[in-house]
Amino acid sequence: FLAVRHLEAEFTGESAHAGGHPEQGRNAVQAMATAVQNLYG
């Protein structure tokens, strides 16, 4: 039997217009994608 634990992580950033002011945003999906990629590492 493999011991198991479920874990939910919620990322919070800052929304912004992707075309007009991308520098004002903090991209929660980008943080999530980075996490997923590195979890498997």
PDB file of all heavy atoms in Angstrom:
ATOM      1  N   PHE A   1       0.850  -1.192   0.000  1.00  0.00           N
ATOM      2  CA  PHE A   1       0.000   0.000   0.000  1.00  0.00           C
ATOM      3  C   PHE A   1       0.889   1.247   0.000  1.00  0.00           C
ATOM      4  O   PHE A   1       1.791   1.371   0.831  1.00  0.00           O
ATOM      5  CB  PHE A   1      -0.881   0.031   1.253  1.00  0.00           C
ATOM      6  CG  PHE A   1      -1.828  -1.116   1.372  1.00  0.00           C
ATOM      7  CD1 PHE A   1      -1.518  -2.212   2.161  1.00  0.00           C
ATOM      8  CD2 PHE A   1      -3.030  -1.112   0.702  1.00  0.00           C
ATOM      9  CE1 PHE A   1      -2.390  -3.274   2.287  1.00  0.00           C
ATOM     10  CE2 PHE A   1      -3.915  -2.168   0.808  1.00  0.00           C
ATOM     11  CZ  PHE A   1      -3.592  -3.255   1.607  1.00  0.00           C
ATOM     12  N   LEU A   2       0.631   2.140  -0.911  1.00  0.00           N
ATOM     13  CA  LEU A   2       1.348   3.406  -0.927  1.00  0.00           C
ATOM     14  C   LEU A   2       0.604   4.417  -0.056  1.00  0.00           C
ATOM     15  O   LEU A   2      -0.578   4.678  -0.284  1.00  0.00           O
ATOM     16  CB  LEU A   2       1.473   3.940  -2.354  1.00  0.00           C
ATOM     17  CG  LEU A   2       2.226   3.058  -3.352  1.00  0.00           C
ATOM     18  CD1 LEU A   2       2.257   3.728  -4.722  1.00  0.00           C
ATOM     19  CD2 LEU A   2       3.643   2.764  -2.875  1.00  0.00           C
ATOM     20  N   ALA A   3       1.295   4.939   0.958  1.00  0.00           N
ATOM     21  CA  ALA A   3       0.700   6.024   1.731  1.00  0.00           C
ATOM     22  C   ALA A   3       0.451   7.203   0.790  1.00  0.00           C
ATOM     23  O   ALA A   3       1.238   7.466  -0.119  1.00  0.00           O
ATOM     24  CB  ALA A   3       1.638   6.430   2.864  1.00  0.00           C
ATOM     25  N   VAL A   4      -0.669   7.896   0.989  1.00  0.00           N
ATOM     26  CA  VAL A   4      -1.074   8.937   0.043  1.00  0.00           C
ATOM     27  C   VAL A   4      -1.542  10.178   0.784  1.00  0.00           C
ATOM     28  O   VAL A   4      -2.092  10.092   1.893  1.00  0.00           O
ATOM     29  CB  VAL A   4      -2.189   8.410  -0.897  1.00  0.00           C
ATOM     30  CG1 VAL A   4      -3.444   8.058  -0.113  1.00  0.00           C
ATOM     31  CG2 VAL A   4      -2.505   9.407  -2.002  1.00  0.00           C
ATOM     32  N   ARG A   5      -1.327  11.333   0.177  1.00  0.00           N
ATOM     33  CA  ARG A   5      -1.868  12.598   0.696  1.00  0.00           C
ATOM     34  C   ARG A   5      -2.253  13.475  -0.485  1.00  0.00           C
ATOM     35  O   ARG A   5      -1.496  13.605  -1.442  1.00  0.00           O
ATOM     36  CB  ARG A   5      -0.830  13.310   1.567  1.00  0.00           C
ATOM     37  CG  ARG A   5      -1.293  14.670   2.103  1.00  0.00           C
ATOM     38  CD  ARG A   5      -0.263  15.238   3.070  1.00  0.00           C
ATOM     39  NE  ARG A   5      -0.205  14.432   4.293  1.00  0.00           N
ATOM     40  CZ  ARG A   5       0.830  14.419   5.129  1.00  0.00           C
ATOM     41  NH1 ARG A   5       1.910  15.144   4.852  1.00  0.00           N
ATOM     42  NH2 ARG A   5       0.804  13.690   6.227  1.00  0.00           N
ATOM     43  N   HIS A   6      -3.442  14.062  -0.420  1.00  0.00           N
ATOM     44  CA  HIS A   6      -3.897  14.997  -1.442  1.00  0.00           C
ATOM     45  C   HIS A   6      -3.591  16.420  -0.992  1.00  0.00           C
ATOM     46  O   HIS A   6      -3.738  16.767   0.186  1.00  0.00           O
ATOM     47  CB  HIS A   6      -5.403  14.844  -1.679  1.00  0.00           C
ATOM     48  CG  HIS A   6      -5.772  13.538  -2.300  1.00  0.00           C
ATOM     49  ND1 HIS A   6      -7.081  13.147  -2.498  1.00  0.00           N
ATOM     50  CD2 HIS A   6      -5.012  12.526  -2.789  1.00  0.00           C
ATOM     51  CE1 HIS A   6      -7.110  11.960  -3.065  1.00  0.00           C
ATOM     52  NE2 HIS A   6      -5.861  11.564  -3.248  1.00  0.00           N
ATOM     53  N   LEU A   7      -3.179  17.230  -1.928  1.00  0.00           N
ATOM     54  CA  LEU A   7      -2.710  18.575  -1.620  1.00  0.00           C
ATOM     55  C   LEU A   7      -3.237  19.551  -2.671  1.00  0.00           C
ATOM     56  O   LEU A   7      -3.106  19.308  -3.873  1.00  0.00           O
ATOM     57  CB  LEU A   7      -1.174  18.590  -1.625  1.00  0.00           C
ATOM     58  CG  LEU A   7      -0.456  19.849  -1.150  1.00  0.00           C
ATOM     59  CD1 LEU A   7      -0.694  20.049   0.348  1.00  0.00           C
ATOM     60  CD2 LEU A   7       1.029  19.730  -1.435  1.00  0.00           C
ATOM     61  N   GLU A   8      -3.840  20.628  -2.222  1.00  0.00           N
ATOM     62  CA  GLU A   8      -4.289  21.684  -3.137  1.00  0.00           C
ATOM     63  C   GLU A   8      -3.484  22.947  -2.881  1.00  0.00           C
ATOM     64  O   GLU A   8      -3.318  23.368  -1.734  1.00  0.00           O
ATOM     65  CB  GLU A   8      -5.778  21.969  -2.953  1.00  0.00           C
ATOM     66  CG  GLU A   8      -6.297  23.021  -3.932  1.00  0.00           C
ATOM     67  CD  GLU A   8      -7.804  23.209  -3.864  1.00  0.00           C
ATOM     68  OE1 GLU A   8      -8.447  22.558  -3.015  1.00  0.00           O
ATOM     69  OE2 GLU A   8      -8.326  24.007  -4.662  1.00  0.00           O
ATOM     70  N   ALA A   9      -2.953  23.519  -3.948  1.00  0.00           N
ATOM     71  CA  ALA A   9      -2.195  24.768  -3.868  1.00  0.00           C
ATOM     72  C   ALA A   9      -2.923  25.829  -4.681  1.00  0.00           C
ATOM     73  O   ALA A   9      -3.212  25.618  -5.865  1.00  0.00           O
ATOM     74  CB  ALA A   9      -0.774  24.581  -4.396  1.00  0.00           C
ATOM     75  N   GLU A  10      -3.222  26.976  -4.069  1.00  0.00           N
ATOM     76  CA  GLU A  10      -3.911  28.074  -4.741  1.00  0.00           C
ATOM     77  C   GLU A  10      -2.955  29.262  -4.867  1.00  0.00           C
ATOM     78  O   GLU A  10      -2.455  29.778  -3.864  1.00  0.00           O
ATOM     79  CB  GLU A  10      -5.169  28.464  -3.970  1.00  0.00           C
ATOM     80  CG  GLU A  10      -6.220  27.362  -3.935  1.00  0.00           C
ATOM     81  CD  GLU A  10      -7.533  27.828  -3.336  1.00  0.00           C
ATOM     82  OE1 GLU A  10      -7.594  29.001  -2.883  1.00  0.00           O
ATOM     83  OE2 GLU A  10      -8.487  27.045  -3.323  1.00  0.00           O
ATOM     84  N   PHE A  11      -2.723  29.669  -6.115  1.00  0.00           N
ATOM     85  CA  PHE A  11      -1.804  30.772  -6.415  1.00  0.00           C
ATOM     86  C   PHE A  11      -2.606  32.063  -6.596  1.00  0.00           C
ATOM     87  O   PHE A  11      -3.668  32.061  -7.248  1.00  0.00           O
ATOM     88  CB  PHE A  11      -1.028  30.487  -7.699  1.00  0.00           C
ATOM     89  CG  PHE A  11      -0.141  29.276  -7.624  1.00  0.00           C
ATOM     90  CD1 PHE A  11      -0.636  28.006  -7.894  1.00  0.00           C
ATOM     91  CD2 PHE A  11       1.203  29.402  -7.284  1.00  0.00           C
ATOM     92  CE1 PHE A  11       0.175  26.892  -7.837  1.00  0.00           C
ATOM     93  CE2 PHE A  11       2.028  28.296  -7.233  1.00  0.00           C
ATOM     94  CZ  PHE A  11       1.515  27.037  -7.502  1.00  0.00           C
ATOM     95  N   THR A  12      -2.075  33.148  -6.067  1.00  0.00           N
ATOM     96  CA  THR A  12      -2.711  34.456  -6.224  1.00  0.00           C
ATOM     97  C   THR A  12      -1.678  35.442  -6.760  1.00  0.00           C
ATOM     98  O   THR A  12      -0.581  35.586  -6.191  1.00  0.00           O
ATOM     99  CB  THR A  12      -3.256  34.978  -4.884  1.00  0.00           C
ATOM    100  OG1 THR A  12      -4.155  34.027  -4.335  1.00  0.00           O
ATOM    101  CG2 THR A  12      -3.977  36.312  -5.092  1.00  0.00           C
ATOM    102  N   GLY A  13      -2.019  36.089  -7.873  1.00  0.00           N
ATOM    103  CA  GLY A  13      -1.143  37.084  -8.467  1.00  0.00           C
ATOM    104  C   GLY A  13      -1.854  38.411  -8.629  1.00  0.00           C
ATOM    105  O   GLY A  13      -2.638  38.809  -7.770  1.00  0.00           O
ATOM    106  N   GLU A  14      -1.623  39.077  -9.760  1.00  0.00           N
ATOM    107  CA  GLU A  14      -2.248  40.376 -10.035  1.00  0.00           C
ATOM    108  C   GLU A  14      -2.645  40.407 -11.496  1.00  0.00           C
ATOM    109  O   GLU A  14      -1.825  40.144 -12.385  1.00  0.00           O
ATOM    110  CB  GLU A  14      -1.268  41.510  -9.737  1.00  0.00           C
ATOM    111  CG  GLU A  14      -1.853  42.904  -9.884  1.00  0.00           C
ATOM    112  CD  GLU A  14      -2.797  43.247  -8.743  1.00  0.00           C
ATOM    113  OE1 GLU A  14      -2.577  42.757  -7.608  1.00  0.00           O
ATOM    114  OE2 GLU A  14      -3.767  44.001  -8.983  1.00  0.00           O
ATOM    115  N   SER A  15      -3.906  40.688 -11.772  1.00  0.00           N
ATOM    116  CA  SER A  15      -4.367  40.726 -13.160  1.00  0.00           C
ATOM    117  C   SER A  15      -3.941  42.030 -13.833  1.00  0.00           C
ATOM    118  O   SER A  15      -3.724  43.054 -13.174  1.00  0.00           O
ATOM    119  CB  SER A  15      -5.883  40.574 -13.225  1.00  0.00           C
ATOM    120  OG  SER A  15      -6.512  41.652 -12.568  1.00  0.00           O
ATOM    121  N   ALA A  16      -3.833  41.980 -15.161  1.00  0.00           N
ATOM    122  CA  ALA A  16      -3.482  43.161 -15.959  1.00  0.00           C
ATOM    123  C   ALA A  16      -3.855  42.864 -17.405  1.00  0.00           C
ATOM    124  O   ALA A  16      -4.105  41.705 -17.779  1.00  0.00           O
ATOM    125  CB  ALA A  16      -1.993  43.476 -15.840  1.00  0.00           C
ATOM    126  N   HIS A  17      -3.884  43.920 -18.208  1.00  0.00           N
ATOM    127  CA  HIS A  17      -4.167  43.735 -19.633  1.00  0.00           C
ATOM    128  C   HIS A  17      -2.923  43.134 -20.289  1.00  0.00           C
ATOM    129  O   HIS A  17      -1.820  43.685 -20.201  1.00  0.00           O
ATOM    130  CB  HIS A  17      -4.516  45.079 -20.280  1.00  0.00           C
ATOM    131  CG  HIS A  17      -5.097  44.933 -21.659  1.00  0.00           C
ATOM    132  ND1 HIS A  17      -4.332  44.569 -22.752  1.00  0.00           N
ATOM    133  CD2 HIS A  17      -6.366  45.096 -22.107  1.00  0.00           C
ATOM    134  CE1 HIS A  17      -5.106  44.516 -23.815  1.00  0.00           C
ATOM    135  NE2 HIS A  17      -6.360  44.838 -23.454  1.00  0.00           N
ATOM    136  N   ALA A  18      -3.116  41.995 -20.966  1.00  0.00           N
ATOM    137  CA  ALA A  18      -1.966  41.268 -21.507  1.00  0.00           C
ATOM    138  C   ALA A  18      -1.296  42.014 -22.657  1.00  0.00           C
ATOM    139  O   ALA A  18      -0.107  41.794 -22.925  1.00  0.00           O
ATOM    140  CB  ALA A  18      -2.398  39.884 -21.980  1.00  0.00           C
ATOM    141  N   GLY A  19      -2.040  42.887 -23.346  1.00  0.00           N
ATOM    142  CA  GLY A  19      -1.453  43.629 -24.458  1.00  0.00           C
ATOM    143  C   GLY A  19      -0.961  44.994 -24.057  1.00  0.00           C
ATOM    144  O   GLY A  19       0.135  45.415 -24.428  1.00  0.00           O
ATOM    145  N   GLY A  20      -1.779  45.704 -23.244  1.00  0.00           N
ATOM    146  CA  GLY A  20      -1.455  47.084 -22.929  1.00  0.00           C
ATOM    147  C   GLY A  20      -0.444  47.251 -21.807  1.00  0.00           C
ATOM    148  O   GLY A  20       0.468  48.081 -21.906  1.00  0.00           O
ATOM    149  N   HIS A  21      -0.577  46.475 -20.740  1.00  0.00           N
ATOM    150  CA  HIS A  21       0.298  46.659 -19.577  1.00  0.00           C
ATOM    151  C   HIS A  21       0.694  45.308 -18.975  1.00  0.00           C
ATOM    152  O   HIS A  21       0.401  45.033 -17.802  1.00  0.00           O
ATOM    153  CB  HIS A  21      -0.402  47.523 -18.513  1.00  0.00           C
ATOM    154  CG  HIS A  21      -0.712  48.904 -18.980  1.00  0.00           C
ATOM    155  ND1 HIS A  21       0.260  49.886 -19.105  1.00  0.00           N
ATOM    156  CD2 HIS A  21      -1.884  49.460 -19.384  1.00  0.00           C
ATOM    157  CE1 HIS A  21      -0.297  50.987 -19.539  1.00  0.00           C
ATOM    158  NE2 HIS A  21      -1.599  50.773 -19.729  1.00  0.00           N
ATOM    159  N   PRO A  22       1.361  44.469 -19.728  1.00  0.00           N
ATOM    160  CA  PRO A  22       1.737  43.155 -19.186  1.00  0.00           C
ATOM    161  C   PRO A  22       2.674  43.252 -17.996  1.00  0.00           C
ATOM    162  O   PRO A  22       2.688  42.362 -17.141  1.00  0.00           O
ATOM    163  CB  PRO A  22       2.420  42.475 -20.379  1.00  0.00           C
ATOM    164  CG  PRO A  22       2.899  43.594 -21.246  1.00  0.00           C
ATOM    165  CD  PRO A  22       1.864  44.666 -21.102  1.00  0.00           C
ATOM    166  N   GLU A  23       3.451  44.348 -17.905  1.00  0.00           N
ATOM    167  CA  GLU A  23       4.411  44.485 -16.805  1.00  0.00           C
ATOM    168  C   GLU A  23       3.725  44.708 -15.460  1.00  0.00           C
ATOM    169  O   GLU A  23       4.334  44.531 -14.391  1.00  0.00           O
ATOM    170  CB  GLU A  23       5.378  45.646 -17.089  1.00  0.00           C
ATOM    171  CG  GLU A  23       4.828  47.043 -16.897  1.00  0.00           C
ATOM    172  CD  GLU A  23       3.876  47.492 -18.010  1.00  0.00           C
ATOM    173  OE1 GLU A  23       3.718  46.755 -19.008  1.00  0.00           O
ATOM    174  OE2 GLU A  23       3.291  48.572 -17.872  1.00  0.00           O
ATOM    175  N   GLN A  24       2.452  45.060 -15.494  1.00  0.00           N
ATOM    176  CA  GLN A  24       1.726  45.316 -14.254  1.00  0.00           C
ATOM    177  C   GLN A  24       1.146  44.034 -13.644  1.00  0.00           C
ATOM    178  O   GLN A  24       0.654  44.047 -12.518  1.00  0.00           O
ATOM    179  CB  GLN A  24       0.597  46.328 -14.497  1.00  0.00           C
ATOM    180  CG  GLN A  24       1.100  47.699 -14.913  1.00  0.00           C
ATOM    181  CD  GLN A  24      -0.044  48.648 -15.212  1.00  0.00           C
ATOM    182  OE1 GLN A  24      -1.216  48.320 -15.021  1.00  0.00           O
ATOM    183  NE2 GLN A  24       0.301  49.857 -15.685  1.00  0.00           N
ATOM    184  N   GLY A  25       1.198  42.964 -14.391  1.00  0.00           N
ATOM    185  CA  GLY A  25       0.607  41.718 -13.916  1.00  0.00           C
ATOM    186  C   GLY A  25       1.591  40.828 -13.170  1.00  0.00           C
ATOM    187  O   GLY A  25       2.811  40.939 -13.323  1.00  0.00           O
ATOM    188  N   ARG A  26       1.027  39.952 -12.354  1.00  0.00           N
ATOM    189  CA  ARG A  26       1.783  38.876 -11.716  1.00  0.00           C
ATOM    190  C   ARG A  26       1.031  37.580 -12.043  1.00  0.00           C
ATOM    191  O   ARG A  26      -0.074  37.351 -11.535  1.00  0.00           O
ATOM    192  CB  ARG A  26       1.887  39.085 -10.203  1.00  0.00           C
ATOM    193  CG  ARG A  26       2.725  40.310  -9.834  1.00  0.00           C
ATOM    194  CD  ARG A  26       2.885  40.460  -8.315  1.00  0.00           C
ATOM    195  NE  ARG A  26       1.643  40.865  -7.679  1.00  0.00           N
ATOM    196  CZ  ARG A  26       1.022  40.166  -6.736  1.00  0.00           C
ATOM    197  NH1 ARG A  26       1.497  38.990  -6.349  1.00  0.00           N
ATOM    198  NH2 ARG A  26      -0.097  40.627  -6.195  1.00  0.00           N
ATOM    199  N   ASN A  27       1.614  36.794 -12.924  1.00  0.00           N
ATOM    200  CA  ASN A  27       0.892  35.725 -13.609  1.00  0.00           C
ATOM    201  C   ASN A  27       0.800  34.458 -12.759  1.00  0.00           C
ATOM    202  O   ASN A  27       1.769  33.701 -12.597  1.00  0.00           O
ATOM    203  CB  ASN A  27       1.586  35.411 -14.936  1.00  0.00           C
ATOM    204  CG  ASN A  27       0.710  34.586 -15.857  1.00  0.00           C
ATOM    205  OD1 ASN A  27       0.025  33.674 -15.430  1.00  0.00           O
ATOM    206  ND2 ASN A  27       0.742  34.920 -17.151  1.00  0.00           N
ATOM    207  N   ALA A  28      -0.391  34.199 -12.209  1.00  0.00           N
ATOM    208  CA  ALA A  28      -0.596  33.032 -11.351  1.00  0.00           C
ATOM    209  C   ALA A  28      -0.507  31.727 -12.134  1.00  0.00           C
ATOM    210  O   ALA A  28      -0.024  30.714 -11.619  1.00  0.00           O
ATOM    211  CB  ALA A  28      -1.954  33.133 -10.653  1.00  0.00           C
ATOM    212  N   VAL A  29      -0.950  31.743 -13.391  1.00  0.00           N
ATOM    213  CA  VAL A  29      -0.856  30.533 -14.209  1.00  0.00           C
ATOM    214  C   VAL A  29       0.602  30.210 -14.522  1.00  0.00           C
ATOM    215  O   VAL A  29       1.002  29.042 -14.561  1.00  0.00           O
ATOM    216  CB  VAL A  29      -1.681  30.680 -15.504  1.00  0.00           C
ATOM    217  CG1 VAL A  29      -1.325  29.595 -16.521  1.00  0.00           C
ATOM    218  CG2 VAL A  29      -3.172  30.611 -15.182  1.00  0.00           C
ATOM    219  N   GLN A  30       1.410  31.227 -14.727  1.00  0.00           N
ATOM    220  CA  GLN A  30       2.838  30.988 -14.973  1.00  0.00           C
ATOM    221  C   GLN A  30       3.496  30.361 -13.742  1.00  0.00           C
ATOM    222  O   GLN A  30       4.309  29.434 -13.849  1.00  0.00           O
ATOM    223  CB  GLN A  30       3.530  32.301 -15.337  1.00  0.00           C
ATOM    224  CG  GLN A  30       4.923  32.117 -15.917  1.00  0.00           C
ATOM    225  CD  GLN A  30       5.514  33.428 -16.399  1.00  0.00           C
ATOM    226  OE1 GLN A  30       4.992  34.506 -16.091  1.00  0.00           O
ATOM    227  NE2 GLN A  30       6.597  33.350 -17.147  1.00  0.00           N
ATOM    228  N   ALA A  31       3.121  30.841 -12.578  1.00  0.00           N
ATOM    229  CA  ALA A  31       3.638  30.241 -11.344  1.00  0.00           C
ATOM    230  C   ALA A  31       3.179  28.796 -11.214  1.00  0.00           C
ATOM    231  O   ALA A  31       3.959  27.900 -10.855  1.00  0.00           O
ATOM    232  CB  ALA A  31       3.176  31.056 -10.146  1.00  0.00           C
ATOM    233  N   MET A  32       1.911  28.552 -11.519  1.00  0.00           N
ATOM    234  CA  MET A  32       1.369  27.196 -11.459  1.00  0.00           C
ATOM    235  C   MET A  32       2.095  26.273 -12.434  1.00  0.00           C
ATOM    236  O   MET A  32       2.476  25.146 -12.078  1.00  0.00           O
ATOM    237  CB  MET A  32      -0.117  27.206 -11.793  1.00  0.00           C
ATOM    238  CG  MET A  32      -0.763  25.837 -11.871  1.00  0.00           C
ATOM    239  SD  MET A  32      -2.332  25.885 -12.763  1.00  0.00           S
ATOM    240  CE  MET A  32      -1.764  26.151 -14.444  1.00  0.00           C
ATOM    241  N   ALA A  33       2.308  26.739 -13.670  1.00  0.00           N
ATOM    242  CA  ALA A  33       2.976  25.919 -14.680  1.00  0.00           C
ATOM    243  C   ALA A  33       4.407  25.585 -14.268  1.00  0.00           C
ATOM    244  O   ALA A  33       4.887  24.462 -14.471  1.00  0.00           O
ATOM    245  CB  ALA A  33       2.959  26.631 -16.030  1.00  0.00           C
ATOM    246  N   THR A  34       5.089  26.568 -13.686  1.00  0.00           N
ATOM    247  CA  THR A  34       6.446  26.325 -13.193  1.00  0.00           C
ATOM    248  C   THR A  34       6.432  25.260 -12.102  1.00  0.00           C
ATOM    249  O   THR A  34       7.289  24.362 -12.064  1.00  0.00           O
ATOM    250  CB  THR A  34       7.060  27.626 -12.650  1.00  0.00           C
ATOM    251  OG1 THR A  34       7.116  28.595 -13.699  1.00  0.00           O
ATOM    252  CG2 THR A  34       8.456  27.395 -12.096  1.00  0.00           C
ATOM    253  N   ALA A  35       5.450  25.335 -11.243  1.00  0.00           N
ATOM    254  CA  ALA A  35       5.345  24.358 -10.162  1.00  0.00           C
ATOM    255  C   ALA A  35       5.092  22.956 -10.701  1.00  0.00           C
ATOM    256  O   ALA A  35       5.748  21.988 -10.283  1.00  0.00           O
ATOM    257  CB  ALA A  35       4.238  24.768  -9.197  1.00  0.00           C
ATOM    258  N   VAL A  36       4.156  22.834 -11.634  1.00  0.00           N
ATOM    259  CA  VAL A  36       3.841  21.515 -12.189  1.00  0.00           C
ATOM    260  C   VAL A  36       5.077  20.898 -12.832  1.00  0.00           C
ATOM    261  O   VAL A  36       5.400  19.718 -12.617  1.00  0.00           O
ATOM    262  CB  VAL A  36       2.695  21.617 -13.217  1.00  0.00           C
ATOM    263  CG1 VAL A  36       2.535  20.299 -13.973  1.00  0.00           C
ATOM    264  CG2 VAL A  36       1.386  21.985 -12.522  1.00  0.00           C
ATOM    265  N   GLN A  37       5.777  21.687 -13.623  1.00  0.00           N
ATOM    266  CA  GLN A  37       6.969  21.179 -14.308  1.00  0.00           C
ATOM    267  C   GLN A  37       8.004  20.657 -13.317  1.00  0.00           C
ATOM    268  O   GLN A  37       8.604  19.601 -13.522  1.00  0.00           O
ATOM    269  CB  GLN A  37       7.578  22.296 -15.158  1.00  0.00           C
ATOM    270  CG  GLN A  37       8.813  21.878 -15.947  1.00  0.00           C
ATOM    271  CD  GLN A  37       8.476  20.928 -17.093  1.00  0.00           C
ATOM    272  OE1 GLN A  37       7.332  20.872 -17.542  1.00  0.00           O
ATOM    273  NE2 GLN A  37       9.458  20.180 -17.551  1.00  0.00           N
ATOM    274  N   ASN A  38       8.173  21.373 -12.207  1.00  0.00           N
ATOM    275  CA  ASN A  38       9.226  21.010 -11.267  1.00  0.00           C
ATOM    276  C   ASN A  38       8.790  19.971 -10.241  1.00  0.00           C
ATOM    277  O   ASN A  38       9.642  19.317  -9.631  1.00  0.00           O
ATOM    278  CB  ASN A  38       9.753  22.263 -10.580  1.00  0.00           C
ATOM    279  CG  ASN A  38      10.617  23.096 -11.517  1.00  0.00           C
ATOM    280  OD1 ASN A  38      11.770  22.788 -11.751  1.00  0.00           O
ATOM    281  ND2 ASN A  38      10.031  24.155 -12.083  1.00  0.00           N
ATOM    282  N   LEU A  39       7.479  19.811 -10.046  1.00  0.00           N
ATOM    283  CA  LEU A  39       7.017  18.745  -9.163  1.00  0.00           C
ATOM    284  C   LEU A  39       7.488  17.386  -9.669  1.00  0.00           C
ATOM    285  O   LEU A  39       7.885  16.511  -8.880  1.00  0.00           O
ATOM    286  CB  LEU A  39       5.489  18.761  -9.055  1.00  0.00           C
ATOM    287  CG  LEU A  39       4.883  19.850  -8.178  1.00  0.00           C
ATOM    288  CD1 LEU A  39       3.369  19.880  -8.347  1.00  0.00           C
ATOM    289  CD2 LEU A  39       5.245  19.656  -6.713  1.00  0.00           C
ATOM    290  N   TYR A  40       7.457  17.217 -10.983  1.00  0.00           N
ATOM    291  CA  TYR A  40       7.866  15.935 -11.555  1.00  0.00           C
ATOM    292  C   TYR A  40       9.383  15.757 -11.549  1.00  0.00           C
ATOM    293  O   TYR A  40       9.881  14.690 -11.903  1.00  0.00           O
ATOM    294  CB  TYR A  40       7.305  15.790 -12.969  1.00  0.00           C
ATOM    295  CG  TYR A  40       5.812  15.566 -12.972  1.00  0.00           C
ATOM    296  CD1 TYR A  40       4.935  16.615 -13.196  1.00  0.00           C
ATOM    297  CD2 TYR A  40       5.278  14.306 -12.728  1.00  0.00           C
ATOM    298  CE1 TYR A  40       3.563  16.426 -13.193  1.00  0.00           C
ATOM    299  CE2 TYR A  40       3.905  14.103 -12.719  1.00  0.00           C
ATOM    300  CZ  TYR A  40       3.053  15.166 -12.948  1.00  0.00           C
ATOM    301  OH  TYR A  40       1.683  14.959 -12.931  1.00  0.00           O
ATOM    302  N   GLY A  41      10.090  16.799 -11.124  1.00  0.00           N
ATOM    303  CA  GLY A  41      11.539  16.695 -11.017  1.00  0.00           C
ATOM    304  C   GLY A  41      12.024  16.373  -9.610  1.00  0.00           C
ATOM    305  O   GLY A  41      13.233  16.317  -9.370  1.00  0.00           O
TER     306      GLY A  41
END
